[in-house]
């Protein structure tokens, strides 16, 4: 005999002997009231359900007093169904050694369980788990970590208030968590359950369903009798393909936040919305007890709530990009503005010069003649340099240029860093000098203010169309920096290189003095 099924029969007396040395694979005595009343079913006390040689694979008991049984070795058990059985079902010492390693289907319903024995959930082959209608209120974090092949889980009608980690249930397709005490769930609760197609969360205390983000395979959603005021917008958009939804008996707030849900109910034809519980508004008071689909909402102004944040975000991003670009190219921008300013000033001075020539021709007898301001140069050269070269400026440049018999006059700004706001002083100094000496070094190439002075000097080069820029190189400069500078800004102007050789030094200073040319008309204004 391989199977015994005497379920749902009016038999009053059943006698089980010891099952040792049988090939019985299935026992089903569902529908009896076994144990409490021996006039109905009589079981031998201490009977071993799974003796050593047992091949039992299926057990289906209902209303059985398990104090009468010894589990024994149930290592071949694949299906275990126990319903409406009180008291202690499993004595851990009876099953801990062998457990249920091959268990595929486990149903323990209406058994007044308050917790789950860990050894029941160690089978990696388990696909079906039903622990509904018990008193379970707490589940350990790793209770389901071994159930990698689980396809169906039913934890409904318990007292669960928080759920464990579900990340291992990657193959599950159906889950029933209804009628528990769940108030909130983390958004990552179901993030690994990409194949979940059926989810029942009815009869809990959930206020939102953000936990469902990413469940694109979801087809059936039951969330009636919760605390939701609306459904999340993403459920009503692709890639979600819901075919059945039941969300009645929730305290919906019939404001413009629910407009998308209202349109979805009226227009979505692919999804069946279960109407068994009414979809009534609970707030605001003016809409109370009115159906969601019957509520008239004017939400034209409400669109600003959705359009304004993206618009402001985009504006902030654009402003940040503009600020970043302005900061990155601040020296070029300063240069362009100065170029425009001095172009206009240059043209105005030329016009004044023409007026002065006309005035002089009309007043030939006058002793004082008018000289155009464009020709007034107070200094022989303006010196642009980096603070690291200040010693060379003081020890070499100034003594060799200003203290010689020619008495050249140099215009120099403050020593060290040039503070912000001194750009006018720089421009005036360069403009009032006949030449500009740029003392080039590696640090000079990397300094923003030095580059700014060089750009203003280059502007003079462009406007005056004259050789007004003298480049002196101090130390070694990487070829890439020098090539970029000369090609893009200075148009391959000559560079006077400094050397430590005494003969070359004399030639260097002579060349520099020759390029300064004759002294300009000196005025008393200090630089």
Foldseek 3Di string as FASTA:
>chain_A
DAEAAPAPDQAAEDEDDACPPHAHAEYAHHHFQPDPDNRRYDYAAAHEPAEPPYQHAYYHYENYAQNRYQDAAQQNHAEYHYAQAEDDNDDCVRAVVRQHQNHAEYHYANHQDQADDLSPQQHCNHAYEHHDHYAHADYDQCSNQSPQNHAEYEHEHYAHAADHAPLSPQRYAEYEHDQYAHADYDLCRCQNNQNHAYYAHANYAYAADSNCPNNLNHAEYEHAHYAYQEYDPVCLDPPHQHAEYEHAHYQHAQAVVHVSVLCSVVPPDRHDYDCPHFQAHCDDPVRGRPGSNPDDYDCPVVVCVVVVVVVVVVVVVVVVVVVVVCVVCVLVVVLVVVLVVVVVVVVVLVVVQVVQVVVCVVCVVDPDGDHRPQQAAAFLEEEQEALVCVVCCVPPVCCLACVDPLNGGYAYDDHHDDDPPCVVVLLVRLSNHQAYEYEDEQVLLVDSVSVSSLSSRLSCCVPVVDHRYAYEYDDDHDPVSVVCCCVPGVVNDDYQYDDPDPVVNVVSSVVVNVVSPHHGDHDPDHD
